[in-house]
């Protein structure tokens, strides 16, 4: 047999073996977590009177493949880290739907990842058999109420009233504006006003002869086209100046 073919076959076999070992190790990790999750879910169930389940889990006996992703880092009650922690938990739930098909399993998993002040709060909630244990959404909202001390929505609103385009391009300004707008509950009219208010005087002058759009996206689109013309004009002026200097 051609040595090259033998080598390629050997390499493929080694790769498949390595992948199989990694998959088996990951399945073992998930299996090891199952008793802990079941125990905590049972404890949560004891603390609730009428558990509310999410859609039923996949049928037993169907083999499942588990992506290899790390557990979210433990959360200690730091307000600045709450949003990232909840985002990572949500991603983990979406990838492992089979393991988190009930509200109690999700609440239990989150509690397992709490420490410090956050765990103290969760322990108090369980001791009181609070109704929020029946719903993962209610539990998460309560977690936000207790530990999101900075009031992300209020801070984002204040920042939107102060943000200015300055020397930034419309693309840069719009990107920063949208990041803040995402954390508010402002309606379209309020967002349009705030965006327009922060535009450069040059851009505002260019918009005078135009009707104000009814959506933020349309306003940004118009400003982007105008900004592109401004940039082209400045480039032409720069080239002319360079020719004079030469």
C-alpha atoms as a PDB file:
ATOM      1  CA  UNK A   1       0.000   0.000   0.000  1.00  0.00           C
ATOM      2  CA  UNK A   2       1.143   3.540  -0.743  1.00  0.00           C
ATOM      3  CA  UNK A   3       2.990   4.897   2.375  1.00  0.00           C
ATOM      4  CA  UNK A   4       1.177   8.236   1.960  1.00  0.00           C
ATOM      5  CA  UNK A   5      -2.188   6.479   2.110  1.00  0.00           C
ATOM      6  CA  UNK A   6      -1.104   4.514   5.188  1.00  0.00           C
ATOM      7  CA  UNK A   7       0.040   7.702   6.918  1.00  0.00           C
ATOM      8  CA  UNK A   8      -3.201   9.541   6.060  1.00  0.00           C
ATOM      9  CA  UNK A   9      -5.305   6.615   7.321  1.00  0.00           C
ATOM     10  CA  UNK A  10      -3.285   6.478  10.548  1.00  0.00           C
ATOM     11  CA  UNK A  11      -3.692  10.226  11.141  1.00  0.00           C
ATOM     12  CA  UNK A  12      -7.421  10.025  10.563  1.00  0.00           C
ATOM     13  CA  UNK A  13      -7.668   7.162  13.025  1.00  0.00           C
ATOM     14  CA  UNK A  14      -5.733   9.087  15.652  1.00  0.00           C
ATOM     15  CA  UNK A  15      -7.956  12.160  15.175  1.00  0.00           C
ATOM     16  CA  UNK A  16     -11.135  10.095  15.505  1.00  0.00           C
ATOM     17  CA  UNK A  17      -9.774   8.402  18.624  1.00  0.00           C
ATOM     18  CA  UNK A  18      -8.905  11.759  20.199  1.00  0.00           C
ATOM     19  CA  UNK A  19     -12.351  13.172  19.401  1.00  0.00           C
ATOM     20  CA  UNK A  20     -14.012  10.081  20.853  1.00  0.00           C
ATOM     21  CA  UNK A  21     -12.016  10.418  24.079  1.00  0.00           C
ATOM     22  CA  UNK A  22     -12.943  14.106  24.417  1.00  0.00           C
ATOM     23  CA  UNK A  23     -16.614  13.360  23.822  1.00  0.00           C
ATOM     24  CA  UNK A  24     -16.627  10.566  26.388  1.00  0.00           C
ATOM     25  CA  UNK A  25     -14.938  12.824  28.932  1.00  0.00           C
ATOM     26  CA  UNK A  26     -17.528  15.543  28.361  1.00  0.00           C
ATOM     27  CA  UNK A  27     -20.427  13.115  28.706  1.00  0.00           C
ATOM     28  CA  UNK A  28     -18.918  11.853  31.972  1.00  0.00           C
ATOM     29  CA  UNK A  29     -18.742  15.429  33.272  1.00  0.00           C
ATOM     30  CA  UNK A  30     -22.406  16.001  32.453  1.00  0.00           C
ATOM     31  CA  UNK A  31     -23.343  12.670  34.043  1.00  0.00           C
ATOM     32  CA  UNK A  32     -21.450  13.682  37.179  1.00  0.00           C
ATOM     33  CA  UNK A  33     -23.440  16.920  37.384  1.00  0.00           C
ATOM     34  CA  UNK A  34     -26.805  15.200  36.986  1.00  0.00           C
ATOM     35  CA  UNK A  35     -27.179  13.925  40.600  1.00  0.00           C
ATOM     36  CA  UNK A  36     -26.246  17.353  41.969  1.00  0.00           C
ATOM     37  CA  UNK A  37     -28.777  19.099  39.734  1.00  0.00           C
ATOM     38  CA  UNK A  38     -31.461  16.538  40.575  1.00  0.00           C
ATOM     39  CA  UNK A  39     -30.844  16.965  44.299  1.00  0.00           C
ATOM     40  CA  UNK A  40     -31.047  20.736  44.110  1.00  0.00           C
ATOM     41  CA  UNK A  41     -34.108  20.584  41.870  1.00  0.00           C
ATOM     42  CA  UNK A  42     -35.793  18.315  44.414  1.00  0.00           C
ATOM     43  CA  UNK A  43     -34.990  20.804  47.171  1.00  0.00           C
ATOM     44  CA  UNK A  44     -36.427  23.648  45.125  1.00  0.00           C
ATOM     45  CA  UNK A  45     -39.537  21.585  44.402  1.00  0.00           C
ATOM     46  CA  UNK A  46     -40.013  21.092  48.140  1.00  0.00           C
ATOM     47  CA  UNK A  47     -39.972  24.865  48.545  1.00  0.00           C
ATOM     48  CA  UNK A  48     -42.746  25.414  45.987  1.00  0.00           C
ATOM     49  CA  UNK A  49     -46.408  24.560  46.111  1.00  0.00           C
ATOM     50  CA  UNK A  50     -47.226  24.350  42.389  1.00  0.00           C
ATOM     51  CA  UNK A  51     -44.156  23.992  40.175  1.00  0.00           C
ATOM     52  CA  UNK A  52     -44.551  25.450  36.680  1.00  0.00           C
ATOM     53  CA  UNK A  53     -42.718  23.435  34.068  1.00  0.00           C
ATOM     54  CA  UNK A  54     -41.412  24.605  30.753  1.00  0.00           C
ATOM     55  CA  UNK A  55     -42.057  22.528  27.593  1.00  0.00           C
ATOM     56  CA  UNK A  56     -41.378  18.826  28.088  1.00  0.00           C
ATOM     57  CA  UNK A  57     -37.839  17.511  27.732  1.00  0.00           C
ATOM     58  CA  UNK A  58     -36.683  15.224  24.904  1.00  0.00           C
ATOM     59  CA  UNK A  59     -37.762  11.586  25.119  1.00  0.00           C
ATOM     60  CA  UNK A  60     -35.555   9.279  27.137  1.00  0.00           C
ATOM     61  CA  UNK A  61     -33.305   6.955  25.234  1.00  0.00           C
ATOM     62  CA  UNK A  62     -32.393   9.416  22.492  1.00  0.00           C
ATOM     63  CA  UNK A  63     -28.598   9.907  22.424  1.00  0.00           C
ATOM     64  CA  UNK A  64     -27.554  13.520  22.916  1.00  0.00           C
ATOM     65  CA  UNK A  65     -24.370  15.317  21.899  1.00  0.00           C
ATOM     66  CA  UNK A  66     -22.975  17.896  24.327  1.00  0.00           C
ATOM     67  CA  UNK A  67     -20.925  20.869  23.103  1.00  0.00           C
ATOM     68  CA  UNK A  68     -17.822  21.358  25.178  1.00  0.00           C
ATOM     69  CA  UNK A  69     -18.352  24.717  26.880  1.00  0.00           C
ATOM     70  CA  UNK A  70     -17.231  25.791  30.350  1.00  0.00           C
ATOM     71  CA  UNK A  71     -19.625  26.486  33.192  1.00  0.00           C
ATOM     72  CA  UNK A  72     -20.378  30.170  33.821  1.00  0.00           C
ATOM     73  CA  UNK A  73     -18.153  31.735  36.467  1.00  0.00           C
ATOM     74  CA  UNK A  74     -19.677  31.978  39.943  1.00  0.00           C
ATOM     75  CA  UNK A  75     -21.461  35.229  40.773  1.00  0.00           C
ATOM     76  CA  UNK A  76     -20.791  36.945  44.110  1.00  0.00           C
ATOM     77  CA  UNK A  77     -23.236  39.856  43.931  1.00  0.00           C
ATOM     78  CA  UNK A  78     -21.066  42.374  42.059  1.00  0.00           C
ATOM     79  CA  UNK A  79     -23.553  44.632  40.159  1.00  0.00           C
ATOM     80  CA  UNK A  80     -21.080  45.146  37.305  1.00  0.00           C
ATOM     81  CA  UNK A  81     -20.891  41.406  36.621  1.00  0.00           C
ATOM     82  CA  UNK A  82     -24.582  40.482  36.884  1.00  0.00           C
ATOM     83  CA  UNK A  83     -25.495  41.056  33.253  1.00  0.00           C
ATOM     84  CA  UNK A  84     -22.610  38.961  31.933  1.00  0.00           C
ATOM     85  CA  UNK A  85     -23.351  36.175  34.422  1.00  0.00           C
ATOM     86  CA  UNK A  86     -27.005  35.945  33.386  1.00  0.00           C
ATOM     87  CA  UNK A  87     -26.062  36.027  29.706  1.00  0.00           C
ATOM     88  CA  UNK A  88     -23.678  33.091  30.172  1.00  0.00           C
ATOM     89  CA  UNK A  89     -26.322  31.148  32.100  1.00  0.00           C
ATOM     90  CA  UNK A  90     -28.868  31.732  29.338  1.00  0.00           C
ATOM     91  CA  UNK A  91     -26.423  30.489  26.693  1.00  0.00           C
ATOM     92  CA  UNK A  92     -25.702  27.402  28.797  1.00  0.00           C
ATOM     93  CA  UNK A  93     -29.433  26.705  29.155  1.00  0.00           C
ATOM     94  CA  UNK A  94     -29.999  27.034  25.403  1.00  0.00           C
ATOM     95  CA  UNK A  95     -27.203  24.592  24.592  1.00  0.00           C
ATOM     96  CA  UNK A  96     -28.286  22.073  27.249  1.00  0.00           C
ATOM     97  CA  UNK A  97     -32.069  22.260  26.846  1.00  0.00           C
ATOM     98  CA  UNK A  98     -32.422  18.581  27.741  1.00  0.00           C
ATOM     99  CA  UNK A  99     -30.957  19.193  31.209  1.00  0.00           C
ATOM    100  CA  UNK A 100     -32.864  22.410  31.941  1.00  0.00           C
ATOM    101  CA  UNK A 101     -36.391  21.721  30.746  1.00  0.00           C
ATOM    102  CA  UNK A 102     -38.014  22.862  34.004  1.00  0.00           C
ATOM    103  CA  UNK A 103     -38.025  26.154  35.861  1.00  0.00           C
ATOM    104  CA  UNK A 104     -36.734  24.402  38.994  1.00  0.00           C
ATOM    105  CA  UNK A 105     -33.683  22.977  37.217  1.00  0.00           C
ATOM    106  CA  UNK A 106     -32.770  26.448  35.918  1.00  0.00           C
ATOM    107  CA  UNK A 107     -33.247  28.109  39.283  1.00  0.00           C
ATOM    108  CA  UNK A 108     -31.250  25.343  40.936  1.00  0.00           C
ATOM    109  CA  UNK A 109     -28.397  25.684  38.454  1.00  0.00           C
ATOM    110  CA  UNK A 110     -28.189  29.449  39.002  1.00  0.00           C
ATOM    111  CA  UNK A 111     -28.142  28.969  42.779  1.00  0.00           C
ATOM    112  CA  UNK A 112     -25.292  26.462  42.410  1.00  0.00           C
ATOM    113  CA  UNK A 113     -23.245  29.207  40.748  1.00  0.00           C
ATOM    114  CA  UNK A 114     -23.880  31.834  43.430  1.00  0.00           C
ATOM    115  CA  UNK A 115     -21.478  32.693  46.216  1.00  0.00           C
ATOM    116  CA  UNK A 116     -20.931  35.392  48.818  1.00  0.00           C
ATOM    117  CA  UNK A 117     -23.748  37.932  49.171  1.00  0.00           C
ATOM    118  CA  UNK A 118     -25.634  36.482  46.214  1.00  0.00           C
ATOM    119  CA  UNK A 119     -25.700  33.023  47.797  1.00  0.00           C
ATOM    120  CA  UNK A 120     -26.758  34.498  51.148  1.00  0.00           C
ATOM    121  CA  UNK A 121     -29.717  36.128  49.414  1.00  0.00           C
ATOM    122  CA  UNK A 122     -30.676  32.924  47.573  1.00  0.00           C
ATOM    123  CA  UNK A 123     -30.463  30.928  50.805  1.00  0.00           C
ATOM    124  CA  UNK A 124     -32.878  33.355  52.428  1.00  0.00           C
ATOM    125  CA  UNK A 125     -35.244  33.003  49.468  1.00  0.00           C
ATOM    126  CA  UNK A 126     -35.216  29.216  49.812  1.00  0.00           C
ATOM    127  CA  UNK A 127     -35.647  29.337  53.583  1.00  0.00           C
ATOM    128  CA  UNK A 128     -38.784  31.433  53.106  1.00  0.00           C
ATOM    129  CA  UNK A 129     -40.035  29.126  50.312  1.00  0.00           C
ATOM    130  CA  UNK A 130     -40.590  32.171  48.150  1.00  0.00           C
ATOM    131  CA  UNK A 131     -42.930  31.827  45.131  1.00  0.00           C
ATOM    132  CA  UNK A 132     -40.159  33.154  42.871  1.00  0.00           C
ATOM    133  CA  UNK A 133     -38.595  29.683  43.064  1.00  0.00           C
ATOM    134  CA  UNK A 134     -41.436  28.432  40.874  1.00  0.00           C
ATOM    135  CA  UNK A 135     -40.294  30.473  37.868  1.00  0.00           C
ATOM    136  CA  UNK A 136     -36.792  31.023  36.530  1.00  0.00           C
ATOM    137  CA  UNK A 137     -37.920  34.353  35.036  1.00  0.00           C
ATOM    138  CA  UNK A 138     -39.218  35.553  38.407  1.00  0.00           C
ATOM    139  CA  UNK A 139     -36.049  34.409  40.154  1.00  0.00           C
ATOM    140  CA  UNK A 140     -33.823  36.203  37.626  1.00  0.00           C
ATOM    141  CA  UNK A 141     -35.899  39.391  37.865  1.00  0.00           C
ATOM    142  CA  UNK A 142     -35.580  39.301  41.645  1.00  0.00           C
ATOM    143  CA  UNK A 143     -31.825  38.798  41.312  1.00  0.00           C
ATOM    144  CA  UNK A 144     -31.669  41.868  39.083  1.00  0.00           C
ATOM    145  CA  UNK A 145     -33.756  43.912  41.514  1.00  0.00           C
ATOM    146  CA  UNK A 146     -31.461  43.092  44.425  1.00  0.00           C
ATOM    147  CA  UNK A 147     -28.035  43.330  42.785  1.00  0.00           C
ATOM    148  CA  UNK A 148     -28.381  45.693  39.810  1.00  0.00           C
ATOM    149  CA  UNK A 149     -27.768  48.629  42.146  1.00  0.00           C
ATOM    150  CA  UNK A 150     -26.564  51.026  39.479  1.00  0.00           C
ATOM    151  CA  UNK A 151     -29.925  51.080  37.700  1.00  0.00           C
ATOM    152  CA  UNK A 152     -28.604  50.266  34.225  1.00  0.00           C
ATOM    153  CA  UNK A 153     -31.677  51.736  32.505  1.00  0.00           C
ATOM    154  CA  UNK A 154     -31.430  55.069  34.335  1.00  0.00           C
ATOM    155  CA  UNK A 155     -27.692  55.352  33.677  1.00  0.00           C
ATOM    156  CA  UNK A 156     -28.145  54.561  29.991  1.00  0.00           C
ATOM    157  CA  UNK A 157     -30.872  57.200  29.736  1.00  0.00           C
ATOM    158  CA  UNK A 158     -28.648  59.879  31.270  1.00  0.00           C
ATOM    159  CA  UNK A 159     -25.819  58.909  28.934  1.00  0.00           C
ATOM    160  CA  UNK A 160     -28.096  59.177  25.888  1.00  0.00           C
ATOM    161  CA  UNK A 161     -28.950  62.758  26.817  1.00  0.00           C
ATOM    162  CA  UNK A 162     -25.250  63.642  27.008  1.00  0.00           C
ATOM    163  CA  UNK A 163     -23.722  61.696  24.125  1.00  0.00           C
ATOM    164  CA  UNK A 164     -22.312  63.861  21.319  1.00  0.00           C
ATOM    165  CA  UNK A 165     -21.031  63.038  17.842  1.00  0.00           C
ATOM    166  CA  UNK A 166     -18.093  65.414  18.118  1.00  0.00           C
ATOM    167  CA  UNK A 167     -15.365  64.380  15.673  1.00  0.00           C
ATOM    168  CA  UNK A 168     -16.691  60.837  15.302  1.00  0.00           C
ATOM    169  CA  UNK A 169     -18.143  59.531  12.060  1.00  0.00           C
ATOM    170  CA  UNK A 170     -21.865  58.779  11.970  1.00  0.00           C
ATOM    171  CA  UNK A 171     -21.015  55.077  12.040  1.00  0.00           C
ATOM    172  CA  UNK A 172     -19.012  55.471  15.259  1.00  0.00           C
ATOM    173  CA  UNK A 173     -21.596  57.775  16.831  1.00  0.00           C
ATOM    174  CA  UNK A 174     -24.536  55.514  15.894  1.00  0.00           C
ATOM    175  CA  UNK A 175     -22.772  52.427  17.241  1.00  0.00           C
ATOM    176  CA  UNK A 176     -22.153  54.079  20.628  1.00  0.00           C
ATOM    177  CA  UNK A 177     -25.702  55.460  20.699  1.00  0.00           C
ATOM    178  CA  UNK A 178     -27.310  52.099  19.964  1.00  0.00           C
ATOM    179  CA  UNK A 179     -25.323  50.363  22.692  1.00  0.00           C
ATOM    180  CA  UNK A 180     -26.826  52.779  25.212  1.00  0.00           C
ATOM    181  CA  UNK A 181     -30.311  52.727  23.669  1.00  0.00           C
ATOM    182  CA  UNK A 182     -30.427  48.949  24.061  1.00  0.00           C
ATOM    183  CA  UNK A 183     -30.499  49.359  27.855  1.00  0.00           C
ATOM    184  CA  UNK A 184     -33.431  51.782  27.873  1.00  0.00           C
ATOM    185  CA  UNK A 185     -37.168  51.517  27.318  1.00  0.00           C
ATOM    186  CA  UNK A 186     -37.340  54.749  25.335  1.00  0.00           C
ATOM    187  CA  UNK A 187     -39.818  54.946  22.471  1.00  0.00           C
ATOM    188  CA  UNK A 188     -38.807  55.730  18.889  1.00  0.00           C
ATOM    189  CA  UNK A 189     -39.580  59.454  19.122  1.00  0.00           C
ATOM    190  CA  UNK A 190     -37.402  59.889  22.212  1.00  0.00           C
ATOM    191  CA  UNK A 191     -34.512  58.022  20.590  1.00  0.00           C
ATOM    192  CA  UNK A 192     -34.766  60.127  17.427  1.00  0.00           C
ATOM    193  CA  UNK A 193     -34.698  63.344  19.472  1.00  0.00           C
ATOM    194  CA  UNK A 194     -31.689  62.219  21.526  1.00  0.00           C
ATOM    195  CA  UNK A 195     -29.763  61.077  18.443  1.00  0.00           C
ATOM    196  CA  UNK A 196     -30.458  64.339  16.587  1.00  0.00           C
ATOM    197  CA  UNK A 197     -29.571  66.401  19.641  1.00  0.00           C
ATOM    198  CA  UNK A 198     -26.106  64.827  19.776  1.00  0.00           C
ATOM    199  CA  UNK A 199     -25.264  65.373  16.102  1.00  0.00           C
ATOM    200  CA  UNK A 200     -22.555  67.818  15.065  1.00  0.00           C
ATOM    201  CA  UNK A 201     -23.677  71.301  13.988  1.00  0.00           C
ATOM    202  CA  UNK A 202     -22.477  70.535  10.475  1.00  0.00           C
ATOM    203  CA  UNK A 203     -24.754  67.513  10.289  1.00  0.00           C
ATOM    204  CA  UNK A 204     -27.718  69.393  11.768  1.00  0.00           C
ATOM    205  CA  UNK A 205     -27.298  72.116   9.137  1.00  0.00           C
ATOM    206  CA  UNK A 206     -27.377  69.480   6.399  1.00  0.00           C
ATOM    207  CA  UNK A 207     -30.645  68.095   7.790  1.00  0.00           C
ATOM    208  CA  UNK A 208     -32.491  71.437   7.927  1.00  0.00           C
ATOM    209  CA  UNK A 209     -34.071  71.076   4.484  1.00  0.00           C
ATOM    210  CA  UNK A 210     -35.191  67.505   5.187  1.00  0.00           C
ATOM    211  CA  UNK A 211     -38.267  66.160   6.964  1.00  0.00           C
ATOM    212  CA  UNK A 212     -37.441  64.338  10.179  1.00  0.00           C
ATOM    213  CA  UNK A 213     -37.688  60.551   9.613  1.00  0.00           C
ATOM    214  CA  UNK A 214     -40.142  58.500  11.670  1.00  0.00           C
ATOM    215  CA  UNK A 215     -37.591  55.891  12.714  1.00  0.00           C
ATOM    216  CA  UNK A 216     -34.125  55.984  14.239  1.00  0.00           C
ATOM    217  CA  UNK A 217     -32.786  53.582  11.615  1.00  0.00           C
ATOM    218  CA  UNK A 218     -33.935  55.861   8.798  1.00  0.00           C
ATOM    219  CA  UNK A 219     -32.370  58.912  10.458  1.00  0.00           C
ATOM    220  CA  UNK A 220     -29.068  57.070  10.844  1.00  0.00           C
ATOM    221  CA  UNK A 221     -29.214  55.958   7.204  1.00  0.00           C
ATOM    222  CA  UNK A 222     -29.730  59.546   5.997  1.00  0.00           C
ATOM    223  CA  UNK A 223     -26.963  60.873   8.246  1.00  0.00           C
ATOM    224  CA  UNK A 224     -24.603  58.151   7.022  1.00  0.00           C
ATOM    225  CA  UNK A 225     -25.107  59.193   3.392  1.00  0.00           C
ATOM    226  CA  UNK A 226     -24.536  62.854   4.260  1.00  0.00           C
ATOM    227  CA  UNK A 227     -21.470  61.966   6.319  1.00  0.00           C
ATOM    228  CA  UNK A 228     -20.057  60.032   3.373  1.00  0.00           C
ATOM    229  CA  UNK A 229     -20.350  63.135   1.191  1.00  0.00           C
ATOM    230  CA  UNK A 230     -18.669  65.212   3.908  1.00  0.00           C
ATOM    231  CA  UNK A 231     -15.760  62.766   3.993  1.00  0.00           C
ATOM    232  CA  UNK A 232     -15.422  62.798   0.197  1.00  0.00           C
ATOM    233  CA  UNK A 233     -15.456  66.605   0.200  1.00  0.00           C
ATOM    234  CA  UNK A 234     -12.723  66.748   2.845  1.00  0.00           C
ATOM    235  CA  UNK A 235     -10.620  64.264   0.875  1.00  0.00           C
ATOM    236  CA  UNK A 236     -10.914  66.395  -2.277  1.00  0.00           C
ATOM    237  CA  UNK A 237      -9.919  69.492  -0.334  1.00  0.00           C
ATOM    238  CA  UNK A 238      -6.928  67.663   1.116  1.00  0.00           C
ATOM    239  CA  UNK A 239      -5.764  66.548  -2.327  1.00  0.00           C
ATOM    240  CA  UNK A 240      -6.130  70.087  -3.698  1.00  0.00           C
ATOM    241  CA  UNK A 241      -4.121  71.485  -0.797  1.00  0.00           C
ATOM    242  CA  UNK A 242      -1.392  68.905  -1.365  1.00  0.00           C
ATOM    243  CA  UNK A 243      -1.176  69.885  -5.039  1.00  0.00           C
ATOM    244  CA  UNK A 244      -0.800  73.556  -4.092  1.00  0.00           C
ATOM    245  CA  UNK A 245       1.934  72.686  -1.617  1.00  0.00           C
ATOM    246  CA  UNK A 246       3.774  70.699  -4.300  1.00  0.00           C
END
